[in-house]
């Protein structure tokens, strides 16, 4: 490694977001990616040993149990990673005076009523285990490290890099549906931002300059999921006749995970609107 470069510690570097952060910043930072065998984030002493050895300047915490179903089935196990592990990383970052960015989730808004984009300061009562764990993790991180930056991320996709074994993102799921189904149904009672992971990665370095606290960190979207896919098809010049609006899913409890980007924009950090980015990246993905 070149002399004088700052050290960046990335947790979850084998995952969807962490792997891309580690790859993107390796030419600017001395990137350190301890494996689970080297650092068990649920064990404070294990975290301390690695931090004492590396002495990072910047920490990007991406490790998590992000499978919503797995959190519902095994909440005690996921709590140790999502809450205890996040607190340990934030605490050791504070001890070493390292800037700490931790990945949170738009799932903290799951169960909230209304159709307006959510703001960071609204009162929350997440309706699933994962959302509750992420909200508690935010609170615990800020208790032990008031300078910690919590980034509420949306569902992400990558139109450029396809890695074997990764979870299905928006385009992979769409490609499978196109192959296997004549008719594609998408819910009308569902609103969420869908974000290009490469925008998340590029904006990460500017986020190092944010004040401690919680930030919505993803693409805004003013369409429901069905409308979003319709606009994508139109951008690609595809026939929308295959698309159907699913009026049953979430009908009794409409889901809205859209995030208000206002606070982040106040610091000069912006994300492309979901529909515009999907159209541009869709042309790239389906040309591969």
Protein backbone atom coordinates (compact mmCIF):
# COMPACT_ATOMS: atom_id res chain seq x y z
CA UNK A 1 0.00 0.00 0.00
CA UNK A 2 1.18 3.54 -0.70
CA UNK A 3 2.46 5.52 2.24
CA UNK A 4 0.27 8.25 3.68
CA UNK A 5 -3.11 6.95 2.57
CA UNK A 6 -5.86 6.87 5.15
CA UNK A 7 -7.13 3.50 6.27
CA UNK A 8 -10.73 2.56 5.55
CA UNK A 9 -12.22 -0.41 7.39
CA UNK A 10 -15.22 -1.95 5.64
CA UNK A 11 -17.43 -4.52 7.36
CA UNK A 12 -19.59 -6.83 5.28
CA UNK A 13 -17.11 -6.53 2.41
CA UNK A 14 -18.34 -9.79 0.87
CA UNK A 15 -21.87 -8.41 0.56
CA UNK A 16 -23.68 -6.46 -2.13
CA UNK A 17 -22.81 -2.95 -0.91
CA UNK A 18 -19.64 -3.61 1.05
CA UNK A 19 -17.89 -5.37 -1.82
CA UNK A 20 -18.50 -2.44 -4.13
CA UNK A 21 -17.33 0.10 -1.57
CA UNK A 22 -14.13 -1.84 -0.95
CA UNK A 23 -13.47 -2.12 -4.70
CA UNK A 24 -14.25 1.52 -5.53
CA UNK A 25 -12.12 3.08 -2.79
CA UNK A 26 -9.11 0.77 -2.83
CA UNK A 27 -7.10 3.20 -5.00
CA UNK A 28 -7.76 6.13 -2.64
CA UNK A 29 -7.56 4.43 0.75
CA UNK A 30 -5.78 1.54 2.33
CA UNK A 31 -8.91 -0.60 2.46
CA UNK A 32 -9.10 -3.19 5.25
CA UNK A 33 -11.76 -5.90 5.00
CA UNK A 34 -11.59 -8.22 8.01
CA UNK A 35 -13.52 -11.43 7.56
CA UNK A 36 -15.98 -12.79 10.12
CA UNK A 37 -13.25 -15.18 11.24
CA UNK A 38 -10.98 -12.23 11.97
CA UNK A 39 -13.61 -9.98 13.55
CA UNK A 40 -16.90 -11.10 15.08
CA UNK A 41 -18.78 -7.81 15.24
CA UNK A 42 -21.13 -9.19 17.91
CA UNK A 43 -18.11 -9.61 20.23
CA UNK A 44 -16.80 -6.26 21.49
CA UNK A 45 -13.39 -7.71 22.39
CA UNK A 46 -13.00 -9.15 18.90
CA UNK A 47 -13.85 -5.76 17.39
CA UNK A 48 -11.43 -4.02 19.75
CA UNK A 49 -8.54 -6.29 18.75
CA UNK A 50 -9.01 -5.57 15.06
CA UNK A 51 -9.43 -1.82 15.59
CA UNK A 52 -6.33 -1.71 17.78
CA UNK A 53 -4.35 -3.48 15.05
CA UNK A 54 -5.65 -1.51 12.07
CA UNK A 55 -6.28 1.92 13.66
CA UNK A 56 -8.67 3.00 10.87
CA UNK A 57 -9.35 6.61 9.95
CA UNK A 58 -12.73 5.82 8.35
CA UNK A 59 -15.14 2.96 9.03
CA UNK A 60 -17.98 1.93 6.72
CA UNK A 61 -20.22 -0.57 8.48
CA UNK A 62 -22.25 -2.66 6.02
CA UNK A 63 -22.40 -6.04 7.78
CA UNK A 64 -25.96 -7.03 8.65
CA UNK A 65 -28.59 -9.73 8.56
CA UNK A 66 -30.68 -7.99 5.88
CA UNK A 67 -32.97 -10.91 5.01
CA UNK A 68 -36.28 -9.71 6.43
CA UNK A 69 -37.61 -13.26 6.67
CA UNK A 70 -34.52 -14.49 8.51
CA UNK A 71 -34.93 -11.70 11.06
CA UNK A 72 -38.52 -12.76 11.66
CA UNK A 73 -37.52 -16.39 12.11
CA UNK A 74 -34.43 -15.86 14.27
CA UNK A 75 -34.69 -12.43 15.91
CA UNK A 76 -32.18 -13.17 18.67
CA UNK A 77 -29.48 -14.08 16.17
CA UNK A 78 -30.17 -11.11 13.90
CA UNK A 79 -30.27 -8.74 16.92
CA UNK A 80 -26.70 -9.71 17.83
CA UNK A 81 -25.50 -8.67 14.38
CA UNK A 82 -27.82 -5.80 13.52
CA UNK A 83 -27.94 -4.10 16.92
CA UNK A 84 -25.11 -5.34 19.14
CA UNK A 85 -22.68 -5.54 16.23
CA UNK A 86 -23.50 -2.04 15.01
CA UNK A 87 -23.09 -0.60 18.51
CA UNK A 88 -19.71 -2.30 18.87
CA UNK A 89 -18.45 -0.88 15.57
CA UNK A 90 -19.68 2.62 16.46
CA UNK A 91 -18.15 2.42 19.94
CA UNK A 92 -14.72 1.35 18.73
CA UNK A 93 -14.84 3.98 15.97
CA UNK A 94 -15.36 6.64 18.63
CA UNK A 95 -12.52 5.23 20.75
CA UNK A 96 -10.15 5.44 17.78
CA UNK A 97 -11.51 8.82 16.60
CA UNK A 98 -12.47 7.27 13.27
CA UNK A 99 -15.32 8.62 11.18
CA UNK A 100 -18.06 5.99 11.20
CA UNK A 101 -20.73 5.52 8.55
CA UNK A 102 -23.25 2.76 9.24
CA UNK A 103 -25.81 1.36 6.83
CA UNK A 104 -29.38 1.60 8.08
CA UNK A 105 -32.52 0.92 6.03
CA UNK A 106 -35.74 2.38 4.69
CA UNK A 107 -37.41 -0.55 6.49
CA UNK A 108 -37.55 1.67 9.59
CA UNK A 109 -40.49 3.31 7.76
CA UNK A 110 -42.32 0.02 7.22
CA UNK A 111 -45.75 0.25 8.82
CA UNK A 112 -45.92 4.04 8.76
CA UNK A 113 -49.14 5.49 7.40
CA UNK A 114 -49.60 8.06 4.64
CA UNK A 115 -48.22 8.48 1.14
CA UNK A 116 -45.81 11.38 1.68
CA UNK A 117 -42.05 10.74 1.57
CA UNK A 118 -40.67 10.12 5.04
CA UNK A 119 -38.46 12.53 6.93
CA UNK A 120 -35.69 11.51 9.29
CA UNK A 121 -37.23 13.23 12.32
CA UNK A 122 -40.68 11.64 12.24
CA UNK A 123 -41.84 9.26 14.96
CA UNK A 124 -41.43 5.64 13.92
CA UNK A 125 -42.92 2.29 14.89
CA UNK A 126 -41.53 -0.22 12.38
CA UNK A 127 -43.86 -3.08 11.57
CA UNK A 128 -41.25 -5.81 11.10
CA UNK A 129 -38.31 -7.17 13.08
CA UNK A 130 -35.67 -5.96 10.67
CA UNK A 131 -37.01 -2.41 10.74
CA UNK A 132 -37.14 -2.42 14.55
CA UNK A 133 -33.60 -3.73 14.74
CA UNK A 134 -32.30 -1.09 12.36
CA UNK A 135 -34.05 1.68 14.28
CA UNK A 136 -32.65 0.41 17.57
CA UNK A 137 -29.20 0.14 15.99
CA UNK A 138 -29.38 3.81 15.00
CA UNK A 139 -30.25 4.75 18.58
CA UNK A 140 -27.51 2.58 20.09
CA UNK A 141 -24.85 3.84 17.69
CA UNK A 142 -25.62 7.47 18.48
CA UNK A 143 -25.54 6.76 22.22
CA UNK A 144 -21.98 5.47 22.12
CA UNK A 145 -20.84 7.68 19.24
CA UNK A 146 -22.79 10.91 18.66
CA UNK A 147 -20.66 11.57 15.57
CA UNK A 148 -21.79 8.34 13.91
CA UNK A 149 -23.53 8.82 10.55
CA UNK A 150 -26.49 6.50 9.92
CA UNK A 151 -27.52 6.16 6.28
CA UNK A 152 -31.02 4.89 5.58
CA UNK A 153 -30.64 2.93 2.35
CA UNK A 154 -33.35 1.78 -0.04
CA UNK A 155 -33.54 -1.31 -2.22
CA UNK A 156 -30.46 -1.20 -4.48
CA UNK A 157 -29.48 -2.62 -7.86
CA UNK A 158 -26.39 -2.76 -10.07
CA UNK A 159 -26.74 -2.59 -13.84
CA UNK A 160 -22.98 -2.81 -14.44
CA UNK A 161 -21.58 -5.62 -12.31
CA UNK A 162 -23.17 -9.05 -11.97
CA UNK A 163 -21.57 -11.25 -9.31
CA UNK A 164 -22.36 -14.92 -8.97
CA UNK A 165 -24.37 -15.78 -5.86
CA UNK A 166 -25.63 -12.29 -5.06
CA UNK A 167 -29.21 -11.76 -3.99
CA UNK A 168 -31.71 -10.79 -6.64
CA UNK A 169 -31.83 -7.06 -7.21
CA UNK A 170 -34.42 -5.17 -9.24
CA UNK A 171 -33.07 -5.93 -12.72
CA UNK A 172 -32.24 -9.58 -12.02
CA UNK A 173 -35.75 -10.18 -10.73
CA UNK A 174 -37.25 -8.35 -13.71
CA UNK A 175 -35.12 -10.36 -16.15
CA UNK A 176 -36.27 -13.61 -14.55
CA UNK A 177 -39.91 -12.51 -14.67
CA UNK A 178 -39.61 -11.54 -18.33
CA UNK A 179 -38.28 -15.00 -19.11
CA UNK A 180 -40.75 -16.99 -17.03
CA UNK A 181 -44.04 -15.07 -17.21
CA UNK A 182 -46.22 -13.70 -19.97
CA UNK A 183 -47.95 -11.32 -17.57
CA UNK A 184 -46.04 -9.26 -14.98
CA UNK A 185 -47.89 -7.94 -11.95
CA UNK A 186 -46.61 -5.14 -9.73
CA UNK A 187 -48.37 -3.66 -6.70
CA UNK A 188 -50.12 -0.30 -6.84
CA UNK A 189 -50.33 0.02 -3.05
CA UNK A 190 -46.56 0.02 -2.67
CA UNK A 191 -44.20 2.98 -2.84
CA UNK A 192 -40.44 2.81 -2.46
CA UNK A 193 -37.26 4.29 -3.79
CA UNK A 194 -35.03 1.97 -5.81
CA UNK A 195 -31.43 3.14 -6.00
CA UNK A 196 -28.40 2.50 -8.20
CA UNK A 197 -25.79 1.10 -5.78
CA UNK A 198 -23.08 2.92 -7.73
CA UNK A 199 -24.62 6.25 -6.76
CA UNK A 200 -24.59 5.11 -3.13
CA UNK A 201 -20.92 4.19 -3.40
CA UNK A 202 -19.90 7.41 -5.14
CA UNK A 203 -21.78 9.55 -2.62
CA UNK A 204 -20.23 7.73 0.33
CA UNK A 205 -17.04 9.78 0.42
CA UNK A 206 -18.95 13.06 0.50
CA UNK A 207 -21.05 11.59 3.32
CA UNK A 208 -17.88 11.35 5.43
CA UNK A 209 -18.27 15.11 5.90
CA UNK A 210 -21.78 14.94 7.36
CA UNK A 211 -22.53 15.71 10.97
CA UNK A 212 -23.45 12.81 13.22
CA UNK A 213 -27.07 11.71 12.84
CA UNK A 214 -29.53 9.96 10.55
CA UNK A 215 -29.90 10.63 6.83
CA UNK A 216 -32.15 9.29 4.07
CA UNK A 217 -29.60 8.04 1.54
CA UNK A 218 -31.21 6.91 -1.68
CA UNK A 219 -33.26 7.83 -4.72
CA UNK A 220 -36.56 9.67 -4.30
CA UNK A 221 -39.60 8.24 -6.07
CA UNK A 222 -43.04 9.76 -6.56
CA UNK A 223 -44.57 6.71 -8.29
CA UNK A 224 -45.98 3.48 -6.95
CA UNK A 225 -44.19 0.28 -7.92
CA UNK A 226 -46.52 -0.50 -10.83
CA UNK A 227 -46.17 3.03 -12.24
CA UNK A 228 -42.41 2.81 -11.80
CA UNK A 229 -42.16 -0.33 -13.92
CA UNK A 230 -44.52 1.12 -16.54
CA UNK A 231 -42.22 4.12 -16.91
CA UNK A 232 -39.20 1.83 -17.19
CA UNK A 233 -40.85 -0.15 -19.99
CA UNK A 234 -41.66 3.06 -21.82
CA UNK A 235 -38.07 4.29 -21.46
CA UNK A 236 -36.87 1.02 -22.96
CA UNK A 237 -39.43 1.13 -25.77
CA UNK A 238 -41.10 -2.06 -24.55
CA UNK A 239 -44.77 -2.95 -24.84
CA UNK A 240 -46.50 -2.24 -21.51
CA UNK A 241 -49.38 -4.60 -22.36
CA UNK A 242 -47.63 -7.35 -20.37
CA UNK A 243 -47.88 -5.31 -17.19
CA UNK A 244 -50.76 -5.50 -14.74
CA UNK A 245 -51.40 -3.52 -11.60
CA UNK A 246 -51.68 -5.75 -8.54
CA UNK A 247 -54.48 -4.16 -6.51
CA UNK A 248 -54.58 -6.83 -3.79
CA UNK A 249 -51.07 -6.78 -2.32
CA UNK A 250 -50.79 -4.28 0.57
CA UNK A 251 -54.40 -3.17 -0.08
CA UNK A 252 -55.36 -3.34 3.60
CA UNK A 253 -52.15 -1.65 4.72
CA UNK A 254 -50.54 0.29 1.86
CA UNK A 255 -46.74 0.24 2.07
CA UNK A 256 -44.80 3.45 1.73
CA UNK A 257 -41.01 3.39 2.13
CA UNK A 258 -40.26 6.50 0.05
CA UNK A 259 -37.77 8.89 1.62
CA UNK A 260 -37.62 12.69 1.63
CA UNK A 261 -34.14 13.71 0.37
CA UNK A 262 -34.31 17.26 1.71
CA UNK A 263 -31.89 16.94 4.61
CA UNK A 264 -29.21 15.29 2.49
CA UNK A 265 -29.64 17.80 -0.33
CA UNK A 266 -28.94 20.54 2.20
CA UNK A 267 -25.39 19.15 2.32
CA UNK A 268 -25.06 19.03 -1.46
CA UNK A 269 -25.58 15.27 -1.82
CA UNK A 270 -28.17 14.18 -4.37
CA UNK A 271 -29.50 10.98 -5.92
CA UNK A 272 -31.19 10.57 -9.28
CA UNK A 273 -34.95 10.00 -9.08
CA UNK A 274 -35.77 6.30 -9.28
CA UNK A 275 -37.62 6.44 -12.60
CA UNK A 276 -34.90 8.41 -14.40
CA UNK A 277 -32.07 6.21 -13.09
CA UNK A 278 -33.92 2.98 -13.89
CA UNK A 279 -34.49 4.10 -17.47
CA UNK A 280 -30.81 4.96 -17.99
CA UNK A 281 -29.49 1.87 -16.24
CA UNK A 282 -32.11 -0.39 -17.80
CA UNK A 283 -30.76 0.41 -21.26
CA UNK A 284 -27.31 -0.53 -19.99
CA UNK A 285 -28.39 -3.72 -18.21
CA UNK A 286 -30.47 -5.16 -21.01
CA UNK A 287 -27.77 -4.48 -23.57
CA UNK A 288 -25.38 -6.86 -21.75
